[in-house]
Amino acid sequence: MVRYISDHPGGDRVTVDADGHTSYDYVPGADGTTVALLAIAVALCGLGAVVLSGLFVYGRLRHRLRR
């Protein structure tokens, strides 16, 4: 998700073909809504990773204390 945001800045793309002809094309980048939704998704994935790691450690400690 982070790579998608960084790889789609928008702007002009310059293409040079085999004959040496240069063409300029405007490439639209990721709009504000897309960036916001992807940022929320990244935050949720990070939060999920922290919660699941905490539950794993809690389970391991609880299992060890029961013995």
N, C-alpha and C. Protein backbone atom coordinates (compact mmCIF):
# COMPACT_ATOMS: atom_id res chain seq x y z
N MET A 1 0.82 -1.19 0.00
CA MET A 1 0.00 0.00 0.00
C MET A 1 0.86 1.25 0.00
N VAL A 2 1.90 1.23 0.81
CA VAL A 2 2.80 2.39 0.86
C VAL A 2 3.52 2.54 -0.48
N ARG A 3 3.89 1.43 -1.08
CA ARG A 3 4.58 1.49 -2.37
C ARG A 3 3.66 2.04 -3.46
N TYR A 4 2.37 1.69 -3.41
CA TYR A 4 1.42 2.22 -4.39
C TYR A 4 1.33 3.73 -4.28
N ILE A 5 1.28 4.24 -3.05
CA ILE A 5 1.19 5.68 -2.84
C ILE A 5 2.44 6.38 -3.39
N SER A 6 3.61 5.80 -3.12
CA SER A 6 4.85 6.45 -3.55
C SER A 6 5.10 6.30 -5.05
N ASP A 7 4.55 5.25 -5.68
CA ASP A 7 4.77 5.02 -7.12
C ASP A 7 3.77 5.76 -8.00
N HIS A 8 2.77 6.41 -7.44
CA HIS A 8 1.76 7.10 -8.23
C HIS A 8 1.69 8.59 -7.87
N PRO A 9 2.79 9.34 -8.11
CA PRO A 9 2.76 10.75 -7.74
C PRO A 9 1.98 11.62 -8.72
N GLY A 10 1.82 11.21 -9.95
CA GLY A 10 1.15 12.02 -10.96
C GLY A 10 2.12 13.01 -11.59
N GLY A 11 1.80 13.43 -12.80
CA GLY A 11 2.65 14.40 -13.50
C GLY A 11 2.92 13.95 -14.92
N ASP A 12 3.93 14.55 -15.54
CA ASP A 12 4.26 14.23 -16.93
C ASP A 12 5.19 13.03 -17.01
N ARG A 13 4.91 12.18 -18.01
CA ARG A 13 5.78 11.03 -18.27
C ARG A 13 6.38 11.23 -19.66
N VAL A 14 7.68 11.14 -19.74
CA VAL A 14 8.40 11.33 -21.00
C VAL A 14 8.76 9.96 -21.55
N THR A 15 8.38 9.72 -22.82
CA THR A 15 8.68 8.45 -23.48
C THR A 15 9.46 8.74 -24.74
N VAL A 16 10.58 8.05 -24.92
CA VAL A 16 11.39 8.18 -26.14
C VAL A 16 11.39 6.82 -26.83
N ASP A 17 10.93 6.78 -28.09
CA ASP A 17 10.89 5.50 -28.81
C ASP A 17 12.21 5.24 -29.52
N ALA A 18 12.27 4.15 -30.26
CA ALA A 18 13.52 3.72 -30.91
C ALA A 18 13.99 4.71 -31.97
N ASP A 19 13.06 5.45 -32.59
CA ASP A 19 13.43 6.42 -33.62
C ASP A 19 13.87 7.76 -33.05
N GLY A 20 13.81 7.91 -31.74
CA GLY A 20 14.22 9.15 -31.11
C GLY A 20 13.10 10.15 -30.92
N HIS A 21 11.87 9.77 -31.22
CA HIS A 21 10.73 10.66 -31.03
C HIS A 21 10.36 10.70 -29.55
N THR A 22 10.15 11.89 -29.06
CA THR A 22 9.81 12.09 -27.66
C THR A 22 8.34 12.44 -27.54
N SER A 23 7.65 11.78 -26.62
CA SER A 23 6.25 12.12 -26.37
C SER A 23 6.06 12.39 -24.89
N TYR A 24 5.22 13.36 -24.61
CA TYR A 24 4.92 13.75 -23.23
C TYR A 24 3.47 13.39 -22.94
N ASP A 25 3.25 12.61 -21.91
CA ASP A 25 1.91 12.22 -21.51
C ASP A 25 1.69 12.61 -20.06
N TYR A 26 0.48 13.11 -19.80
CA TYR A 26 0.14 13.40 -18.41
C TYR A 26 -0.44 12.14 -17.77
N VAL A 27 0.12 11.75 -16.64
CA VAL A 27 -0.33 10.57 -15.92
C VAL A 27 -0.94 11.03 -14.60
N PRO A 28 -2.25 10.78 -14.41
CA PRO A 28 -2.86 11.20 -13.14
C PRO A 28 -2.35 10.33 -11.99
N GLY A 29 -2.09 10.95 -10.89
CA GLY A 29 -1.61 10.21 -9.72
C GLY A 29 -2.76 9.79 -8.83
N ALA A 30 -2.43 9.27 -7.68
CA ALA A 30 -3.44 8.88 -6.70
C ALA A 30 -4.06 10.14 -6.10
N ASP A 31 -5.39 10.19 -6.08
CA ASP A 31 -6.05 11.37 -5.53
C ASP A 31 -6.08 11.31 -4.01
N GLY A 32 -6.58 12.35 -3.40
CA GLY A 32 -6.56 12.46 -1.95
C GLY A 32 -7.36 11.38 -1.24
N THR A 33 -8.49 11.00 -1.82
CA THR A 33 -9.32 9.96 -1.21
C THR A 33 -8.61 8.61 -1.21
N THR A 34 -7.96 8.29 -2.32
CA THR A 34 -7.22 7.03 -2.41
C THR A 34 -6.09 6.99 -1.39
N VAL A 35 -5.38 8.07 -1.28
CA VAL A 35 -4.27 8.14 -0.32
C VAL A 35 -4.80 8.00 1.11
N ALA A 36 -5.92 8.65 1.41
CA ALA A 36 -6.50 8.57 2.75
C ALA A 36 -6.95 7.15 3.07
N LEU A 37 -7.63 6.49 2.14
CA LEU A 37 -8.08 5.12 2.37
C LEU A 37 -6.91 4.16 2.53
N LEU A 38 -5.88 4.33 1.73
CA LEU A 38 -4.70 3.47 1.86
C LEU A 38 -3.97 3.74 3.17
N ALA A 39 -3.94 4.99 3.61
CA ALA A 39 -3.30 5.31 4.90
C ALA A 39 -4.07 4.68 6.06
N ILE A 40 -5.41 4.69 5.98
CA ILE A 40 -6.22 4.03 7.01
C ILE A 40 -5.96 2.53 7.00
N ALA A 41 -5.87 1.95 5.82
CA ALA A 41 -5.60 0.51 5.71
C ALA A 41 -4.24 0.15 6.30
N VAL A 42 -3.23 0.97 6.05
CA VAL A 42 -1.91 0.73 6.62
C VAL A 42 -1.97 0.80 8.14
N ALA A 43 -2.70 1.78 8.67
CA ALA A 43 -2.82 1.92 10.12
C ALA A 43 -3.54 0.72 10.73
N LEU A 44 -4.59 0.24 10.07
CA LEU A 44 -5.31 -0.93 10.58
C LEU A 44 -4.45 -2.19 10.54
N CYS A 45 -3.66 -2.35 9.51
CA CYS A 45 -2.75 -3.51 9.43
C CYS A 45 -1.70 -3.43 10.54
N GLY A 46 -1.18 -2.25 10.80
CA GLY A 46 -0.21 -2.08 11.88
C GLY A 46 -0.82 -2.36 13.23
N LEU A 47 -2.02 -1.86 13.46
CA LEU A 47 -2.72 -2.12 14.72
C LEU A 47 -3.00 -3.60 14.89
N GLY A 48 -3.43 -4.26 13.83
CA GLY A 48 -3.67 -5.69 13.88
C GLY A 48 -2.41 -6.47 14.20
N ALA A 49 -1.29 -6.06 13.63
CA ALA A 49 -0.02 -6.73 13.90
C ALA A 49 0.37 -6.59 15.37
N VAL A 50 0.18 -5.40 15.93
CA VAL A 50 0.52 -5.18 17.34
C VAL A 50 -0.39 -6.00 18.25
N VAL A 51 -1.69 -6.01 17.96
CA VAL A 51 -2.64 -6.76 18.79
C VAL A 51 -2.35 -8.26 18.73
N LEU A 52 -2.15 -8.78 17.53
CA LEU A 52 -1.88 -10.21 17.40
C LEU A 52 -0.55 -10.61 18.03
N SER A 53 0.46 -9.75 17.95
CA SER A 53 1.73 -10.04 18.60
C SER A 53 1.56 -10.04 20.12
N GLY A 54 0.80 -9.09 20.63
CA GLY A 54 0.53 -9.05 22.06
C GLY A 54 -0.23 -10.27 22.54
N LEU A 55 -1.22 -10.71 21.78
CA LEU A 55 -1.98 -11.91 22.14
C LEU A 55 -1.10 -13.15 22.10
N PHE A 56 -0.18 -13.21 21.15
CA PHE A 56 0.74 -14.34 21.07
C PHE A 56 1.62 -14.41 22.31
N VAL A 57 2.20 -13.27 22.69
CA VAL A 57 3.06 -13.23 23.88
C VAL A 57 2.25 -13.56 25.13
N TYR A 58 1.04 -13.02 25.24
CA TYR A 58 0.18 -13.30 26.38
C TYR A 58 -0.13 -14.80 26.46
N GLY A 59 -0.45 -15.41 25.36
CA GLY A 59 -0.74 -16.83 25.34
C GLY A 59 0.46 -17.68 25.72
N ARG A 60 1.62 -17.30 25.24
CA ARG A 60 2.84 -18.06 25.58
C ARG A 60 3.15 -17.94 27.07
N LEU A 61 3.00 -16.74 27.63
CA LEU A 61 3.26 -16.55 29.06
C LEU A 61 2.23 -17.29 29.91
N ARG A 62 0.99 -17.25 29.50
CA ARG A 62 -0.06 -17.94 30.26
C ARG A 62 0.14 -19.46 30.22
N HIS A 63 0.55 -19.97 29.07
CA HIS A 63 0.81 -21.40 28.94
C HIS A 63 1.98 -21.82 29.82
N ARG A 64 2.99 -20.98 29.87
CA ARG A 64 4.19 -21.29 30.68
C ARG A 64 3.88 -21.24 32.17
N LEU A 65 3.00 -20.33 32.60
CA LEU A 65 2.66 -20.22 34.01
C LEU A 65 1.75 -21.34 34.50
N ARG A 66 1.00 -21.96 33.60
CA ARG A 66 0.10 -23.04 33.98
C ARG A 66 0.86 -24.32 34.30
N ARG A 67 2.03 -24.50 33.80
CA ARG A 67 2.79 -25.74 34.02
C ARG A 67 3.30 -25.84 35.41
